[in-house]
């Protein structure tokens, strides 16, 4: 399997998890259950799950009043896009 295919699979998986944990954390917040830490949410965002987290934030209306998420997630999307372009163009 080529590296590009493996990386694409990784991105699909990490973004799916990111979307899911945003929904899970929102449900736990409503039920007053044990929450997922913001550090964990940010870990998923930074390691490639920025798009999934963004769509999860919008879909579940979760973390929409936290400016670090409202501005930070789109900023990470831009960073990931720029890094992807750089790697693609310099290979």
N, C-alpha and C. Protein backbone atom coordinates (compact mmCIF):
# COMPACT_ATOMS: atom_id res chain seq x y z
N UNK A 1 0.84 -1.18 0.00
CA UNK A 1 0.00 0.00 0.00
C UNK A 1 0.88 1.24 0.00
N UNK A 2 0.52 2.21 -0.79
CA UNK A 2 1.36 3.41 -0.87
C UNK A 2 1.15 4.30 0.36
N UNK A 3 2.13 5.16 0.61
CA UNK A 3 2.07 6.06 1.75
C UNK A 3 0.90 7.02 1.68
N UNK A 4 0.55 7.45 0.48
CA UNK A 4 -0.57 8.37 0.32
C UNK A 4 -1.89 7.72 0.70
N UNK A 5 -2.05 6.46 0.34
CA UNK A 5 -3.28 5.74 0.69
C UNK A 5 -3.36 5.53 2.20
N UNK A 6 -2.24 5.13 2.81
CA UNK A 6 -2.22 4.96 4.26
C UNK A 6 -2.50 6.27 4.99
N UNK A 7 -1.93 7.35 4.51
CA UNK A 7 -2.17 8.66 5.13
C UNK A 7 -3.63 9.08 4.96
N UNK A 8 -4.21 8.80 3.82
CA UNK A 8 -5.63 9.11 3.59
C UNK A 8 -6.52 8.32 4.54
N UNK A 9 -6.21 7.05 4.73
CA UNK A 9 -6.97 6.22 5.67
C UNK A 9 -6.83 6.79 7.08
N UNK A 10 -5.61 7.18 7.45
CA UNK A 10 -5.38 7.78 8.77
C UNK A 10 -6.25 9.03 8.96
N UNK A 11 -6.28 9.89 7.94
CA UNK A 11 -7.07 11.12 8.06
C UNK A 11 -8.56 10.83 8.20
N UNK A 12 -9.05 9.86 7.47
CA UNK A 12 -10.47 9.49 7.59
C UNK A 12 -10.76 8.98 9.01
N UNK A 13 -9.90 8.13 9.53
CA UNK A 13 -10.10 7.56 10.86
C UNK A 13 -10.00 8.63 11.94
N UNK A 14 -8.97 9.45 11.92
CA UNK A 14 -8.78 10.44 12.98
C UNK A 14 -9.88 11.50 12.94
N UNK A 15 -10.33 11.88 11.76
CA UNK A 15 -11.41 12.86 11.67
C UNK A 15 -12.75 12.25 12.10
N UNK A 16 -12.96 10.98 11.83
CA UNK A 16 -14.17 10.30 12.31
C UNK A 16 -14.17 10.25 13.83
N UNK A 17 -13.04 9.90 14.41
CA UNK A 17 -12.93 9.87 15.88
C UNK A 17 -13.15 11.27 16.46
N UNK A 18 -12.56 12.27 15.83
CA UNK A 18 -12.70 13.64 16.32
C UNK A 18 -14.16 14.08 16.31
N UNK A 19 -14.86 13.78 15.24
CA UNK A 19 -16.28 14.09 15.15
C UNK A 19 -17.05 13.38 16.25
N UNK A 20 -16.74 12.10 16.43
CA UNK A 20 -17.44 11.28 17.41
C UNK A 20 -17.20 11.77 18.83
N UNK A 21 -15.96 12.11 19.18
CA UNK A 21 -15.72 12.53 20.57
C UNK A 21 -16.34 13.89 20.87
N UNK A 22 -16.51 14.73 19.84
CA UNK A 22 -17.23 15.99 20.07
C UNK A 22 -18.69 15.69 20.43
N UNK A 23 -19.30 14.77 19.72
CA UNK A 23 -20.68 14.38 20.02
C UNK A 23 -20.80 13.68 21.36
N UNK A 24 -19.84 12.82 21.66
CA UNK A 24 -19.84 12.11 22.94
C UNK A 24 -19.69 13.08 24.11
N UNK A 25 -18.78 14.03 23.98
CA UNK A 25 -18.58 15.00 25.05
C UNK A 25 -19.82 15.88 25.23
N UNK A 26 -20.48 16.23 24.14
CA UNK A 26 -21.72 17.02 24.23
C UNK A 26 -22.79 16.23 24.97
N UNK A 27 -22.93 14.94 24.64
CA UNK A 27 -23.92 14.11 25.33
C UNK A 27 -23.61 14.00 26.81
N UNK A 28 -22.33 13.80 27.12
CA UNK A 28 -21.94 13.71 28.53
C UNK A 28 -22.18 15.03 29.26
N UNK A 29 -21.99 16.14 28.57
CA UNK A 29 -22.24 17.45 29.18
C UNK A 29 -23.72 17.60 29.53
N UNK A 30 -24.58 17.18 28.63
CA UNK A 30 -26.03 17.27 28.88
C UNK A 30 -26.45 16.36 30.02
N UNK A 31 -25.82 15.18 30.11
CA UNK A 31 -26.19 14.20 31.13
C UNK A 31 -25.40 14.37 32.42
N UNK A 32 -24.57 15.39 32.48
CA UNK A 32 -23.72 15.65 33.65
C UNK A 32 -22.81 14.45 33.96
N UNK A 33 -22.33 13.81 32.90
CA UNK A 33 -21.45 12.66 33.05
C UNK A 33 -19.99 13.07 33.04
N UNK A 34 -19.10 12.07 33.04
CA UNK A 34 -17.67 12.33 33.01
C UNK A 34 -17.29 12.85 31.63
N UNK A 35 -16.72 14.04 31.60
CA UNK A 35 -16.42 14.73 30.34
C UNK A 35 -15.08 14.30 29.77
N UNK A 36 -14.92 14.56 28.49
CA UNK A 36 -13.65 14.38 27.81
C UNK A 36 -12.89 15.68 27.99
N UNK A 37 -11.65 15.60 28.42
CA UNK A 37 -10.89 16.82 28.72
C UNK A 37 -10.62 17.63 27.45
N UNK A 38 -10.51 18.94 27.63
CA UNK A 38 -10.18 19.80 26.49
C UNK A 38 -8.81 19.45 25.93
N UNK A 39 -7.92 18.98 26.79
CA UNK A 39 -6.59 18.56 26.34
C UNK A 39 -6.71 17.40 25.35
N UNK A 40 -7.61 16.46 25.61
CA UNK A 40 -7.82 15.34 24.71
C UNK A 40 -8.45 15.81 23.40
N UNK A 41 -9.44 16.70 23.50
CA UNK A 41 -10.06 17.24 22.30
C UNK A 41 -9.00 17.93 21.43
N UNK A 42 -8.13 18.73 22.06
CA UNK A 42 -7.09 19.42 21.31
C UNK A 42 -6.06 18.46 20.72
N UNK A 43 -5.78 17.37 21.43
CA UNK A 43 -4.86 16.37 20.90
C UNK A 43 -5.38 15.83 19.57
N UNK A 44 -6.65 15.48 19.53
CA UNK A 44 -7.24 14.97 18.30
C UNK A 44 -7.23 16.03 17.20
N UNK A 45 -7.46 17.29 17.57
CA UNK A 45 -7.44 18.37 16.59
C UNK A 45 -6.05 18.52 15.98
N UNK A 46 -5.04 18.54 16.84
CA UNK A 46 -3.67 18.80 16.39
C UNK A 46 -3.11 17.65 15.55
N UNK A 47 -3.45 16.42 15.88
CA UNK A 47 -2.86 15.28 15.16
C UNK A 47 -3.59 14.95 13.86
N UNK A 48 -4.46 15.85 13.42
CA UNK A 48 -5.07 15.69 12.10
C UNK A 48 -6.58 15.67 12.07
N UNK A 49 -7.22 15.77 13.22
CA UNK A 49 -8.67 15.69 13.25
C UNK A 49 -9.38 17.03 13.28
N UNK A 50 -8.76 18.04 12.70
CA UNK A 50 -9.34 19.39 12.77
C UNK A 50 -10.67 19.49 12.01
N UNK A 51 -10.76 18.88 10.84
CA UNK A 51 -12.01 18.94 10.09
C UNK A 51 -13.14 18.20 10.80
N UNK A 52 -12.85 17.03 11.31
CA UNK A 52 -13.86 16.26 12.05
C UNK A 52 -14.33 17.01 13.28
N UNK A 53 -13.40 17.63 13.98
CA UNK A 53 -13.76 18.41 15.16
C UNK A 53 -14.59 19.63 14.79
N UNK A 54 -14.24 20.27 13.69
CA UNK A 54 -15.00 21.44 13.25
C UNK A 54 -16.43 21.05 12.91
N UNK A 55 -16.59 19.99 12.13
CA UNK A 55 -17.94 19.56 11.77
C UNK A 55 -18.70 19.05 13.00
N UNK A 56 -18.00 18.41 13.94
CA UNK A 56 -18.64 17.98 15.19
C UNK A 56 -19.07 19.17 16.03
N UNK A 57 -18.23 20.19 16.08
CA UNK A 57 -18.58 21.40 16.83
C UNK A 57 -19.85 22.03 16.25
N UNK A 58 -19.94 22.08 14.93
CA UNK A 58 -21.11 22.67 14.27
C UNK A 58 -22.34 21.76 14.40
N UNK A 59 -22.17 20.47 14.16
CA UNK A 59 -23.29 19.53 14.19
C UNK A 59 -23.92 19.44 15.58
N UNK A 60 -23.07 19.33 16.61
CA UNK A 60 -23.57 19.12 17.96
C UNK A 60 -23.70 20.42 18.76
N UNK A 61 -23.34 21.53 18.13
CA UNK A 61 -23.32 22.85 18.80
C UNK A 61 -22.55 22.75 20.12
N UNK A 62 -21.34 22.24 20.00
CA UNK A 62 -20.51 21.98 21.17
C UNK A 62 -19.24 22.83 21.10
N UNK A 63 -18.93 23.46 22.21
CA UNK A 63 -17.74 24.33 22.35
C UNK A 63 -17.85 25.58 21.48
N UNK A 64 -19.05 25.96 21.11
CA UNK A 64 -19.23 27.12 20.23
C UNK A 64 -19.11 28.45 20.96
N UNK A 65 -19.08 28.43 22.29
CA UNK A 65 -18.89 29.66 23.06
C UNK A 65 -17.46 29.79 23.57
N UNK A 66 -16.63 28.82 23.25
CA UNK A 66 -15.23 28.85 23.68
C UNK A 66 -14.39 29.40 22.52
N UNK A 67 -13.87 30.60 22.69
CA UNK A 67 -13.14 31.23 21.59
C UNK A 67 -11.93 30.42 21.15
N UNK A 68 -11.31 29.69 22.08
CA UNK A 68 -10.15 28.89 21.68
C UNK A 68 -10.54 27.81 20.68
N UNK A 69 -11.76 27.32 20.74
CA UNK A 69 -12.22 26.34 19.77
C UNK A 69 -12.78 27.02 18.52
N UNK A 70 -13.54 28.08 18.72
CA UNK A 70 -14.17 28.78 17.59
C UNK A 70 -13.12 29.30 16.61
N UNK A 71 -12.02 29.81 17.13
CA UNK A 71 -10.95 30.33 16.26
C UNK A 71 -9.80 29.34 16.08
N UNK A 72 -9.57 28.52 17.09
CA UNK A 72 -8.44 27.59 17.04
C UNK A 72 -8.61 26.46 16.05
N UNK A 73 -9.82 25.90 15.98
CA UNK A 73 -10.04 24.79 15.05
C UNK A 73 -9.89 25.24 13.60
N UNK A 74 -10.53 26.34 13.18
CA UNK A 74 -10.28 26.79 11.80
C UNK A 74 -8.81 27.13 11.54
N UNK A 75 -8.13 27.67 12.54
CA UNK A 75 -6.70 27.96 12.38
C UNK A 75 -5.91 26.67 12.14
N UNK A 76 -6.26 25.60 12.86
CA UNK A 76 -5.58 24.32 12.66
C UNK A 76 -5.91 23.72 11.29
N UNK A 77 -7.11 23.96 10.80
CA UNK A 77 -7.46 23.50 9.45
C UNK A 77 -6.53 24.17 8.44
N UNK A 78 -6.32 25.46 8.61
CA UNK A 78 -5.42 26.20 7.71
C UNK A 78 -3.99 25.67 7.83
N UNK A 79 -3.53 25.45 9.05
CA UNK A 79 -2.18 24.93 9.27
C UNK A 79 -2.03 23.56 8.60
N UNK A 80 -3.01 22.69 8.79
CA UNK A 80 -2.95 21.36 8.17
C UNK A 80 -2.95 21.46 6.65
N UNK A 81 -3.75 22.37 6.10
CA UNK A 81 -3.79 22.55 4.65
C UNK A 81 -2.45 23.04 4.13
N UNK A 82 -1.87 24.03 4.78
CA UNK A 82 -0.58 24.58 4.35
C UNK A 82 0.52 23.51 4.45
N UNK A 83 0.54 22.76 5.55
CA UNK A 83 1.53 21.69 5.69
C UNK A 83 1.35 20.62 4.60
N UNK A 84 0.10 20.29 4.32
CA UNK A 84 -0.17 19.30 3.26
C UNK A 84 0.31 19.77 1.91
N UNK A 85 0.06 21.04 1.60
CA UNK A 85 0.53 21.61 0.33
C UNK A 85 2.05 21.62 0.27
N UNK A 86 2.68 21.99 1.36
CA UNK A 86 4.14 22.03 1.41
C UNK A 86 4.73 20.63 1.16
N UNK A 87 4.20 19.64 1.87
CA UNK A 87 4.71 18.28 1.71
C UNK A 87 4.47 17.78 0.28
N UNK A 88 3.29 18.07 -0.25
CA UNK A 88 2.97 17.61 -1.61
C UNK A 88 3.87 18.27 -2.65
N UNK A 89 4.10 19.56 -2.49
CA UNK A 89 4.88 20.29 -3.50
C UNK A 89 6.40 20.06 -3.39
N UNK A 90 6.87 19.62 -2.25
CA UNK A 90 8.32 19.43 -2.07
C UNK A 90 8.73 17.97 -2.14
N UNK A 91 7.86 17.11 -2.49
CA UNK A 91 8.26 15.69 -2.55
C UNK A 91 8.90 15.33 -3.84
